[in-house]
Amino acid sequence: MKNRLKMTGLLSAAVLALFGCGTNGDGGSGVSEEGIKVVTTFYPMYDFAKNVVGDNGEVSVLLDAGQESHGYEPTPQDIAAIADADVFIYNSDEMETWVPSVLESIESSEVIIVEAAEDIDLFEIEEAAAEEEAHSEEEGGHDHNVDPHVWLDPVYAQTEIDAILAGLLEADQANKDSYEANAAAFKGKLAELDAAYQTAFENAEHRTFVVQHAAFGYIARRYGLTEVAVSEVSSDAEPNPAKLAELQQFMVDNGITTVYYSDSASSKTAETLAEGAGASLEVLSPLEGITDEDQKAGKDYLSVMQENLAALKKVIQ
């Protein structure tokens, strides 16, 4: 849980101009009569928060499906919405790399800041670490060798639910029982999801899968699998021809006949790899976004994680 913040600087003036003094509408420190107001960064945080909030307020999300979380640039309206919220929820400094600078620029005695992955030890991506570190230093960017995709692990997702619950309780004790019941119910579903993954893979002999983007390391670690990725750092990174040829030969030698690609990024590299290895293509969603249309059709975190499980079972046998 992050400490509460105070408004400073020119950006704060813009926030104040849009939303007044940055309080919750009743001039006090509590939640308004309309219910708790929660702002989240991208889809997993939105879905998790929505399940815990239930009917006790409004949950919104800043990033639409297809928007890249790492390089996102928040608008003044986004920043104002964060400052005006009762609770602001994001995954981690390593995922939403733009959040720390925003939090340094706003100040509100009301908003509760929740870094959902704060109590999770993120693991490092070892391959190409030196290259990425040099790039980070040159560009002044963040070191992406730490894998932030913890929400794809159903066990760590439960840890994130606990963090979200704690933030909601800090903001709104009046609905404590409801939040706790909602959190317990959703954690039960996550536990069932974890059990389904464990059962599916516990006796598998072939435990290696090939992906375009290294987003599934937590699933691999949790269930004793091996993720082989074309890109260790970015889903948009182009591999050099030598690495692509090496991966193609690896797939042929190990009888791997499927390449997974993200539904939120170009499949060009995966197509090239699959063609060279005589393999097929399958979607494996990192769940960074679900379109409004798909949400209206009933898709959510749990259903897409089940789709991911079905896709992995075609290879992990």
Protein backbone atom coordinates (compact mmCIF):
# COMPACT_ATOMS: atom_id res chain seq x y z
CA MET A 1 0.00 0.00 0.00
CA LYS A 2 1.38 3.35 -0.97
CA ASN A 3 1.19 6.42 1.21
CA ARG A 4 -1.37 9.10 0.42
CA LEU A 5 -0.17 11.99 -1.70
CA LYS A 6 -0.40 15.77 -1.84
CA MET A 7 -0.95 18.00 -4.88
CA THR A 8 2.04 20.01 -6.07
CA GLY A 9 3.20 21.99 -9.09
CA LEU A 10 1.58 23.09 -12.31
CA LEU A 11 0.03 19.68 -12.96
CA SER A 12 -1.81 19.95 -9.68
CA ALA A 13 -3.33 23.23 -10.83
CA ALA A 14 -4.66 21.48 -13.92
CA VAL A 15 -6.15 18.75 -11.76
CA LEU A 16 -7.78 21.30 -9.48
CA ALA A 17 -9.19 23.20 -12.42
CA LEU A 18 -10.88 20.07 -13.73
CA PHE A 19 -12.08 18.57 -10.47
CA GLY A 20 -12.12 21.31 -7.90
CA CYS A 21 -10.26 20.63 -4.69
CA GLY A 22 -9.79 16.90 -5.34
CA THR A 23 -12.07 15.70 -2.56
CA ASN A 24 -14.82 13.11 -2.94
CA GLY A 25 -17.69 15.49 -3.50
CA ASP A 26 -18.93 15.79 0.06
CA GLY A 27 -16.15 18.07 1.31
CA GLY A 28 -14.99 15.43 3.77
CA SER A 29 -12.63 12.50 3.82
CA GLY A 30 -15.13 9.69 3.32
CA VAL A 31 -16.77 8.01 0.34
CA SER A 32 -19.66 9.93 -1.21
CA GLU A 33 -23.28 8.78 -1.10
CA GLU A 34 -22.96 7.57 -4.71
CA GLY A 35 -20.48 4.94 -3.53
CA ILE A 36 -16.76 4.38 -3.76
CA LYS A 37 -14.96 5.68 -6.84
CA VAL A 38 -12.13 3.42 -8.02
CA VAL A 39 -9.78 4.14 -10.94
CA THR A 40 -7.64 1.33 -12.36
CA THR A 41 -4.92 1.28 -15.00
CA PHE A 42 -5.59 -1.68 -17.30
CA TYR A 43 -7.94 -4.65 -17.62
CA PRO A 44 -6.72 -7.16 -14.98
CA MET A 45 -6.75 -4.46 -12.31
CA TYR A 46 -10.21 -3.39 -13.48
CA ASP A 47 -11.61 -6.92 -13.38
CA PHE A 48 -10.09 -7.68 -9.98
CA ALA A 49 -11.33 -4.41 -8.48
CA LYS A 50 -14.79 -4.79 -10.00
CA ASN A 51 -15.18 -8.22 -8.43
CA VAL A 52 -14.28 -6.90 -4.98
CA VAL A 53 -16.19 -3.60 -5.21
CA GLY A 54 -19.37 -5.29 -6.38
CA ASP A 55 -22.39 -2.98 -6.02
CA ASN A 56 -20.65 -0.58 -3.66
CA GLY A 57 -19.48 1.94 -6.23
CA GLU A 58 -17.97 2.62 -9.62
CA VAL A 59 -14.82 1.11 -11.12
CA SER A 60 -13.24 2.65 -14.22
CA VAL A 61 -10.19 1.79 -16.33
CA LEU A 62 -7.77 4.19 -18.01
CA LEU A 63 -6.36 2.02 -20.81
CA ASP A 64 -8.50 0.54 -23.55
CA ALA A 65 -7.82 -2.87 -25.08
CA GLY A 66 -4.86 -2.63 -27.43
CA GLN A 67 -3.13 0.20 -25.60
CA GLU A 68 0.39 -0.66 -24.43
CA SER A 69 0.74 -0.38 -20.66
CA HIS A 70 4.49 0.25 -20.52
CA GLY A 71 4.66 3.27 -22.80
CA TYR A 72 1.27 4.76 -22.06
CA GLU A 73 1.12 8.54 -21.68
CA PRO A 74 -1.77 9.62 -19.42
CA THR A 75 -3.82 12.63 -20.42
CA PRO A 76 -4.54 15.52 -18.04
CA GLN A 77 -8.05 14.04 -17.70
CA ASP A 78 -6.55 10.70 -16.67
CA ILE A 79 -4.39 12.37 -14.04
CA ALA A 80 -7.34 14.35 -12.76
CA ALA A 81 -9.43 11.18 -12.53
CA ILE A 82 -6.72 9.53 -10.42
CA ALA A 83 -6.56 12.52 -8.09
CA ASP A 84 -10.35 12.62 -7.75
CA ALA A 85 -10.76 8.90 -7.00
CA ASP A 86 -11.21 7.32 -3.60
CA VAL A 87 -8.86 4.49 -4.61
CA PHE A 88 -6.35 4.22 -7.47
CA ILE A 89 -5.18 0.70 -8.35
CA TYR A 90 -2.29 -0.33 -10.57
CA ASN A 91 -0.28 -3.52 -10.94
CA SER A 92 3.31 -2.39 -10.38
CA ASP A 93 5.95 0.19 -11.13
CA GLU A 94 7.50 -2.40 -13.46
CA MET A 95 4.32 -2.77 -15.54
CA GLU A 96 2.80 0.71 -15.61
CA THR A 97 6.15 2.48 -15.81
CA TRP A 98 4.42 5.87 -16.16
CA VAL A 99 2.64 5.68 -12.80
CA PRO A 100 5.46 6.73 -10.44
CA SER A 101 5.95 10.07 -12.22
CA VAL A 102 2.20 10.70 -12.16
CA LEU A 103 2.06 9.98 -8.44
CA GLU A 104 4.91 12.40 -7.86
CA SER A 105 2.95 15.08 -9.70
CA ILE A 106 -0.38 14.78 -7.95
CA GLU A 107 -1.28 15.22 -4.35
CA SER A 108 -4.59 14.40 -2.77
CA SER A 109 -5.37 13.85 0.88
CA GLU A 110 -8.17 11.52 -0.21
CA VAL A 111 -6.90 9.09 -2.84
CA ILE A 112 -5.65 5.70 -1.60
CA ILE A 113 -2.89 4.28 -3.79
CA VAL A 114 -2.76 0.50 -4.24
CA GLU A 115 0.15 -1.19 -5.99
CA ALA A 116 -1.45 -4.62 -6.27
CA ALA A 117 1.81 -6.52 -6.82
CA GLU A 118 3.73 -4.72 -4.09
CA ASP A 119 4.02 -7.84 -1.90
CA ILE A 120 5.00 -10.15 -4.78
CA ASP A 121 8.64 -10.90 -5.56
CA LEU A 122 8.96 -10.33 -9.30
CA PHE A 123 11.44 -12.58 -11.08
CA GLU A 124 14.09 -11.36 -13.47
CA ILE A 125 14.35 -12.29 -17.13
CA GLU A 126 17.96 -13.34 -17.51
CA GLU A 127 18.33 -13.56 -21.28
CA ALA A 128 19.60 -10.38 -22.94
CA ALA A 129 19.74 -8.66 -19.55
CA ALA A 130 22.93 -6.79 -20.31
CA GLU A 131 21.56 -5.56 -23.63
CA GLU A 132 18.33 -4.33 -22.07
CA GLU A 133 20.16 -2.68 -19.18
CA ALA A 134 22.30 -0.74 -21.65
CA HIS A 135 19.20 0.29 -23.59
CA SER A 136 17.49 1.40 -20.38
CA GLU A 137 20.46 3.56 -19.43
CA GLU A 138 20.71 5.11 -22.89
CA GLU A 139 17.01 5.90 -23.12
CA GLY A 140 16.52 6.81 -19.46
CA GLY A 141 13.83 4.13 -19.36
CA HIS A 142 12.85 1.37 -16.97
CA ASP A 143 14.64 -1.96 -16.69
CA HIS A 144 12.15 -4.38 -18.25
CA ASN A 145 14.19 -7.46 -17.28
CA VAL A 146 11.82 -7.82 -14.33
CA ASP A 147 8.73 -9.68 -15.47
CA PRO A 148 5.59 -7.81 -14.32
CA HIS A 149 2.94 -10.27 -15.60
CA VAL A 150 2.02 -11.64 -12.17
CA TRP A 151 -1.75 -11.45 -12.74
CA LEU A 152 -1.49 -14.47 -15.07
CA ASP A 153 -0.63 -16.65 -12.06
CA PRO A 154 -3.92 -17.54 -10.30
CA VAL A 155 -2.12 -17.75 -6.95
CA TYR A 156 -0.47 -14.36 -7.26
CA ALA A 157 -3.79 -12.99 -8.50
CA GLN A 158 -5.19 -13.86 -5.07
CA THR A 159 -2.38 -11.85 -3.47
CA GLU A 160 -3.37 -8.91 -5.63
CA ILE A 161 -6.97 -9.29 -4.51
CA ASP A 162 -5.79 -9.03 -0.90
CA ALA A 163 -3.97 -5.78 -1.69
CA ILE A 164 -7.02 -4.36 -3.45
CA LEU A 165 -9.26 -5.37 -0.53
CA ALA A 166 -6.95 -3.61 1.93
CA GLY A 167 -7.13 -0.41 -0.11
CA LEU A 168 -10.91 -0.51 -0.32
CA LEU A 169 -11.22 -1.09 3.42
CA GLU A 170 -8.94 1.86 4.11
CA ALA A 171 -11.19 4.06 2.00
CA ASP A 172 -14.57 2.66 3.01
CA GLN A 173 -14.98 0.78 6.30
CA ALA A 174 -18.76 1.14 6.09
CA ASN A 175 -18.94 -1.62 3.47
CA LYS A 176 -16.30 -3.86 5.05
CA ASP A 177 -18.45 -6.99 5.18
CA SER A 178 -19.46 -6.68 1.54
CA TYR A 179 -15.90 -6.16 0.31
CA GLU A 180 -14.60 -9.07 2.34
CA ALA A 181 -17.36 -11.39 1.12
CA ASN A 182 -16.78 -10.36 -2.51
CA ALA A 183 -13.03 -10.85 -2.18
CA ALA A 184 -13.45 -14.28 -0.60
CA ALA A 185 -15.84 -15.38 -3.34
CA PHE A 186 -13.52 -14.26 -6.13
CA LYS A 187 -10.47 -15.78 -4.46
CA GLY A 188 -12.41 -19.04 -4.33
CA LYS A 189 -12.85 -18.90 -8.11
CA LEU A 190 -9.15 -18.15 -8.53
CA ALA A 191 -8.31 -21.16 -6.36
CA GLU A 192 -10.49 -23.33 -8.61
CA LEU A 193 -8.66 -21.92 -11.63
CA ASP A 194 -5.33 -22.79 -10.03
CA ALA A 195 -6.55 -26.32 -9.36
CA ALA A 196 -7.61 -26.70 -13.00
CA TYR A 197 -4.14 -25.70 -14.21
CA GLN A 198 -2.46 -28.02 -11.71
CA THR A 199 -4.62 -30.96 -12.73
CA ALA A 200 -4.10 -30.33 -16.45
CA PHE A 201 -0.30 -30.29 -16.26
CA GLU A 202 0.68 -32.49 -13.31
CA ASN A 203 1.35 -35.64 -15.41
CA ALA A 204 2.40 -33.99 -18.67
CA GLU A 205 5.52 -35.36 -20.38
CA HIS A 206 5.93 -32.52 -22.90
CA ARG A 207 6.24 -29.36 -20.78
CA THR A 208 7.82 -26.80 -23.14
CA PHE A 209 5.86 -24.17 -25.07
CA VAL A 210 7.02 -21.47 -27.49
CA VAL A 211 5.62 -17.93 -27.36
CA GLN A 212 6.21 -14.74 -29.29
CA HIS A 213 6.28 -12.61 -26.14
CA ALA A 214 7.67 -13.63 -22.75
CA ALA A 215 4.54 -12.92 -20.72
CA PHE A 216 3.86 -16.37 -19.32
CA GLY A 217 6.84 -17.02 -17.07
CA TYR A 218 4.74 -17.03 -13.91
CA ILE A 219 2.44 -19.70 -15.32
CA ALA A 220 5.49 -21.71 -16.35
CA ARG A 221 7.09 -21.43 -12.90
CA ARG A 222 3.88 -22.17 -11.03
CA TYR A 223 3.12 -25.36 -12.94
CA GLY A 224 6.60 -26.67 -13.76
CA LEU A 225 6.59 -25.71 -17.43
CA THR A 226 9.26 -24.17 -19.67
CA GLU A 227 8.50 -21.02 -21.65
CA VAL A 228 10.69 -20.40 -24.72
CA ALA A 229 10.16 -16.86 -26.00
CA VAL A 230 11.03 -15.13 -29.25
CA SER A 231 11.07 -11.78 -27.45
CA GLU A 232 12.14 -11.55 -23.82
CA VAL A 233 11.43 -7.85 -23.39
CA SER A 234 8.78 -6.50 -25.75
CA SER A 235 6.01 -8.12 -27.78
CA ASP A 236 6.95 -5.77 -30.63
CA ALA A 237 10.67 -6.60 -30.65
CA GLU A 238 12.00 -8.12 -33.88
CA PRO A 239 14.35 -11.07 -33.35
CA ASN A 240 17.52 -11.26 -35.39
CA PRO A 241 17.60 -13.90 -38.15
CA ALA A 242 20.10 -16.04 -36.26
CA LYS A 243 17.86 -16.31 -33.20
CA LEU A 244 14.81 -17.05 -35.35
CA ALA A 245 16.68 -19.84 -37.15
CA GLU A 246 17.85 -21.21 -33.81
CA LEU A 247 14.28 -21.27 -32.47
CA GLN A 248 12.99 -22.93 -35.62
CA GLN A 249 15.59 -25.69 -35.27
CA PHE A 250 14.77 -26.02 -31.56
CA MET A 251 11.11 -26.59 -32.39
CA VAL A 252 11.92 -29.19 -35.06
CA ASP A 253 14.36 -31.02 -32.80
CA ASN A 254 11.88 -31.12 -29.91
CA GLY A 255 8.76 -31.88 -31.89
CA ILE A 256 7.06 -28.60 -30.94
CA THR A 257 4.32 -27.91 -33.46
CA THR A 258 2.67 -24.77 -32.07
CA VAL A 259 3.73 -21.15 -31.69
CA TYR A 260 1.67 -18.95 -29.38
CA TYR A 261 1.10 -15.27 -30.06
CA SER A 262 -0.68 -12.52 -28.17
CA ASP A 263 -4.13 -11.34 -29.18
CA SER A 264 -3.03 -7.77 -28.40
CA ALA A 265 0.04 -7.60 -30.67
CA SER A 266 1.08 -8.29 -34.24
CA SER A 267 1.48 -11.99 -35.04
CA LYS A 268 4.03 -11.36 -37.81
CA THR A 269 7.03 -12.79 -35.96
CA ALA A 270 5.08 -15.81 -34.74
CA GLU A 271 3.90 -16.46 -38.30
CA THR A 272 7.47 -16.37 -39.60
CA LEU A 273 8.65 -18.75 -36.88
CA ALA A 274 5.73 -21.14 -37.39
CA GLU A 275 6.22 -21.22 -41.15
CA GLY A 276 9.92 -22.02 -40.82
CA ALA A 277 9.26 -24.78 -38.27
CA GLY A 278 6.19 -26.22 -39.98
CA ALA A 279 4.09 -25.35 -36.95
CA SER A 280 0.60 -23.98 -36.33
CA LEU A 281 -0.42 -20.76 -34.58
CA GLU A 282 -2.48 -20.41 -31.40
CA VAL A 283 -3.53 -17.41 -29.32
CA LEU A 284 -2.31 -17.17 -25.73
CA SER A 285 -3.68 -14.01 -24.16
CA PRO A 286 -1.62 -11.97 -21.69
CA LEU A 287 -4.96 -10.47 -20.65
CA GLU A 288 -3.72 -6.89 -20.82
CA GLY A 289 -7.01 -5.84 -22.38
CA ILE A 290 -10.42 -7.16 -23.36
CA THR A 291 -12.52 -5.16 -25.80
CA ASP A 292 -15.88 -3.73 -24.72
CA GLU A 293 -17.52 -5.97 -27.30
CA ASP A 294 -15.95 -9.10 -25.85
CA GLN A 295 -16.81 -8.02 -22.31
CA LYS A 296 -20.45 -7.56 -23.34
CA ALA A 297 -20.31 -11.06 -24.81
CA GLY A 298 -19.30 -12.39 -21.39
CA LYS A 299 -15.52 -12.58 -21.59
CA ASP A 300 -13.60 -11.77 -18.43
CA TYR A 301 -10.39 -12.68 -16.63
CA LEU A 302 -11.60 -16.13 -15.60
CA SER A 303 -13.00 -17.11 -19.00
CA VAL A 304 -9.88 -15.99 -20.90
CA MET A 305 -7.66 -17.83 -18.43
CA GLN A 306 -9.72 -20.94 -19.21
CA GLU A 307 -9.16 -20.29 -22.92
CA ASN A 308 -5.43 -20.02 -22.24
CA LEU A 309 -5.55 -23.33 -20.40
CA ALA A 310 -7.29 -25.03 -23.33
CA ALA A 311 -4.71 -23.61 -25.73
CA LEU A 312 -1.75 -24.76 -23.59
CA LYS A 313 -3.20 -28.26 -23.26
CA LYS A 314 -2.69 -28.70 -27.01
CA VAL A 315 1.06 -28.64 -26.39
CA ILE A 316 1.52 -29.55 -22.70
CA GLN A 317 0.55 -33.23 -22.70
